[in-house]
Protein backbone atom coordinates (compact mmCIF):
# COMPACT_ATOMS: atom_id res chain seq x y z
CA MET A 1 -7.38 -1.57 16.31
CA THR A 2 -3.95 -1.67 14.70
CA LEU A 3 -3.42 -0.88 11.02
CA SER A 4 -0.19 -2.11 9.49
CA ILE A 5 1.08 -2.13 5.91
CA ARG A 6 3.47 -4.67 4.47
CA PRO A 7 4.53 -6.04 1.09
CA ALA A 8 1.98 -8.45 -0.35
CA THR A 9 2.76 -12.15 -0.64
CA ASP A 10 1.25 -14.82 -2.87
CA ALA A 11 -0.81 -15.94 0.13
CA ASP A 12 -2.52 -12.52 0.16
CA TRP A 13 -3.95 -12.92 -3.33
CA PRO A 14 -7.38 -14.26 -2.27
CA SER A 15 -7.86 -11.27 0.07
CA ILE A 16 -6.60 -8.83 -2.56
CA LEU A 17 -8.95 -10.36 -5.13
CA ASP A 18 -11.89 -9.94 -2.75
CA ILE A 19 -11.10 -6.21 -2.57
CA ILE A 20 -10.25 -5.40 -6.18
CA LYS A 21 -12.72 -7.60 -8.07
CA PRO A 22 -15.93 -5.72 -7.16
CA VAL A 23 -14.27 -2.32 -7.53
CA LEU A 24 -12.96 -3.05 -11.00
CA ALA A 25 -16.19 -4.79 -12.06
CA ALA A 26 -18.20 -1.71 -11.02
CA GLY A 27 -16.24 0.37 -13.51
CA GLU A 28 -16.62 3.62 -11.56
CA THR A 29 -13.03 4.51 -10.65
CA TYR A 30 -10.43 2.68 -12.76
CA ALA A 31 -9.93 2.91 -16.51
CA ILE A 32 -9.66 -0.85 -17.02
CA ASP A 33 -11.89 -3.53 -18.51
CA THR A 34 -14.73 -4.41 -16.18
CA ASN A 35 -15.04 -8.01 -17.32
CA LEU A 36 -11.63 -9.40 -16.38
CA ASP A 37 -11.59 -12.91 -14.99
CA ASP A 38 -9.55 -13.76 -11.90
CA ALA A 39 -6.43 -14.47 -13.98
CA GLY A 40 -6.79 -11.12 -15.74
CA LEU A 41 -7.21 -9.34 -12.42
CA HIS A 42 -4.10 -11.06 -11.09
CA ALA A 43 -2.14 -10.13 -14.23
CA TYR A 44 -3.19 -6.48 -13.78
CA TRP A 45 -2.79 -5.92 -10.03
CA MET A 46 0.19 -8.22 -9.49
CA MET A 47 2.07 -7.38 -12.69
CA PRO A 48 5.87 -7.37 -12.36
CA ALA A 49 6.01 -3.56 -12.69
CA HIS A 50 3.84 -3.20 -9.55
CA LYS A 51 5.27 -3.37 -6.05
CA VAL A 52 2.13 -4.47 -4.19
CA PHE A 53 1.34 -3.84 -0.54
CA VAL A 54 -1.51 -4.83 1.75
CA ALA A 55 -3.00 -2.99 4.70
CA GLU A 56 -4.03 -5.17 7.61
CA LEU A 57 -6.39 -4.21 10.39
CA ASP A 58 -6.02 -6.54 13.33
CA GLY A 59 -4.55 -9.20 11.04
CA GLN A 60 -7.16 -8.97 8.26
CA VAL A 61 -6.34 -7.52 4.83
CA VAL A 62 -8.55 -4.44 4.40
CA GLY A 63 -6.67 -2.57 1.68
CA THR A 64 -4.11 -2.91 -1.05
CA TYR A 65 -2.05 -0.63 -3.22
CA TYR A 66 0.61 -0.84 -5.87
CA LEU A 67 3.60 1.44 -6.47
CA MET A 68 5.28 1.71 -9.85
CA HIS A 69 7.12 4.03 -12.21
CA ASN A 70 4.63 6.36 -13.88
CA GLN A 71 6.67 6.30 -17.08
CA ARG A 72 9.94 4.86 -18.30
CA GLY A 73 13.09 6.62 -19.41
CA GLY A 74 13.05 10.36 -18.74
CA GLY A 75 9.85 10.03 -16.67
CA ALA A 76 11.03 7.16 -14.44
CA HIS A 77 11.64 9.49 -11.49
CA VAL A 78 7.86 9.97 -11.04
CA ALA A 79 5.90 7.30 -9.16
CA ASN A 80 2.34 6.16 -9.72
CA CYS A 81 0.02 4.22 -7.39
CA GLY A 82 -3.40 2.62 -7.31
CA TYR A 83 -5.27 2.08 -4.04
CA MET A 84 -8.31 0.07 -2.96
CA THR A 85 -9.97 -0.39 0.41
CA SER A 86 -12.48 -3.08 1.36
CA PRO A 87 -16.04 -1.75 1.77
CA GLU A 88 -16.18 -2.64 5.47
CA ALA A 89 -13.00 -0.64 6.19
CA ARG A 90 -13.90 2.55 4.28
CA GLY A 91 -13.98 5.70 6.36
CA GLN A 92 -11.42 4.36 8.83
CA GLY A 93 -8.32 6.06 7.41
CA VAL A 94 -7.06 3.05 5.46
CA ALA A 95 -6.66 4.90 2.13
CA ARG A 96 -4.99 7.83 3.86
CA THR A 97 -2.56 5.54 5.66
CA MET A 98 -1.79 3.63 2.45
CA CYS A 99 -1.15 6.87 0.56
CA LEU A 100 1.19 8.18 3.25
CA HIS A 101 2.96 4.82 3.28
CA SER A 102 3.30 4.91 -0.51
CA LEU A 103 4.79 8.40 -0.41
CA ASP A 104 7.44 7.17 2.04
CA ARG A 105 8.17 4.06 -0.07
CA ALA A 106 8.43 6.23 -3.19
CA ARG A 107 10.92 8.54 -1.50
CA GLU A 108 12.95 5.54 -0.32
CA ARG A 109 13.10 4.28 -3.91
CA GLY A 110 14.40 7.61 -5.17
CA PHE A 111 11.26 8.93 -6.81
CA ARG A 112 11.02 12.73 -6.92
CA ALA A 113 7.25 13.01 -7.39
CA MET A 114 4.01 11.05 -7.57
CA GLN A 115 1.38 11.40 -10.26
CA PHE A 116 -2.10 9.96 -10.61
CA ASN A 117 -2.98 9.93 -14.30
CA HIS A 118 -6.71 9.30 -14.29
CA VAL A 119 -8.59 10.28 -11.12
CA VAL A 120 -12.25 10.15 -12.04
CA SER A 121 -13.92 13.45 -11.10
CA THR A 122 -16.97 11.71 -9.64
CA ASN A 123 -14.71 9.89 -7.15
CA GLU A 124 -15.04 12.91 -4.87
CA GLY A 125 -13.73 11.17 -1.74
CA ALA A 126 -10.49 10.22 -3.45
CA VAL A 127 -10.05 13.66 -5.04
CA ALA A 128 -10.56 15.36 -1.66
CA LEU A 129 -8.19 12.96 0.14
CA TRP A 130 -5.42 13.33 -2.41
CA GLN A 131 -5.75 17.12 -2.19
CA LYS A 132 -5.52 16.98 1.63
CA LEU A 133 -2.33 14.97 1.20
CA GLY A 134 -0.74 17.61 -1.01
CA PHE A 135 -1.70 16.55 -4.52
CA GLN A 136 -2.81 19.22 -6.94
CA ILE A 137 -5.01 18.87 -9.96
CA VAL A 138 -2.59 19.81 -12.74
CA GLY A 139 -4.83 18.85 -15.62
CA THR A 140 -8.40 18.04 -16.49
CA LEU A 141 -9.15 15.47 -19.17
CA PRO A 142 -12.60 16.50 -20.42
CA GLN A 143 -15.06 13.61 -20.56
CA ALA A 144 -12.15 11.14 -20.57
CA PHE A 145 -13.94 8.52 -18.46
CA ARG A 146 -17.14 6.68 -19.34
CA HIS A 147 -18.85 6.22 -15.99
CA PRO A 148 -21.53 3.50 -15.89
CA LEU A 149 -24.02 5.78 -14.06
CA HIS A 150 -23.04 9.34 -15.00
CA GLY A 151 -21.95 8.89 -18.60
CA TYR A 152 -18.88 10.75 -19.80
CA VAL A 153 -17.17 12.59 -16.94
CA ASP A 154 -13.87 14.40 -16.51
CA SER A 155 -10.75 12.82 -15.13
CA PHE A 156 -7.99 14.65 -13.33
CA VAL A 157 -4.24 14.37 -13.49
CA MET A 158 -3.01 14.89 -9.92
CA PHE A 159 0.61 15.54 -8.98
CA ARG A 160 2.72 16.00 -5.91
CA ALA A 161 6.46 16.57 -5.53
CA LEU A 162 8.22 14.40 -2.98
């Protein structure tokens, strides 16, 4: 099996939608409305500020991520990303590969660091992976996320210099 990552094209949107729609509708990991229609999902994931990539496994899109400036102005040197992997590809290193790819793309674009603003504490797999890849929890936002199963839970701010 060969995993490759490339910039997303308009033709990738149906595959991207298949990945992001159930994740965002579940409301367990992203601080975004759970009832967005397809146009709203497109406006969010494919917004002009996002440089969107897809991960392909043997020619099939199995993951997607976006890279953007975390802030504007004096904070524009810090990158931010969001990642999603299709359920059938989880546990196969797709998220890890996308994160490593995003760190390289961020460096190429002149970013000096990467920050994740709202990593939900119950998303233990993501927290552990980001820590393995050098991110540190630099802040805890107490009960900042309303999880549909666990109620109010903490979110972490995670940071890594590039």
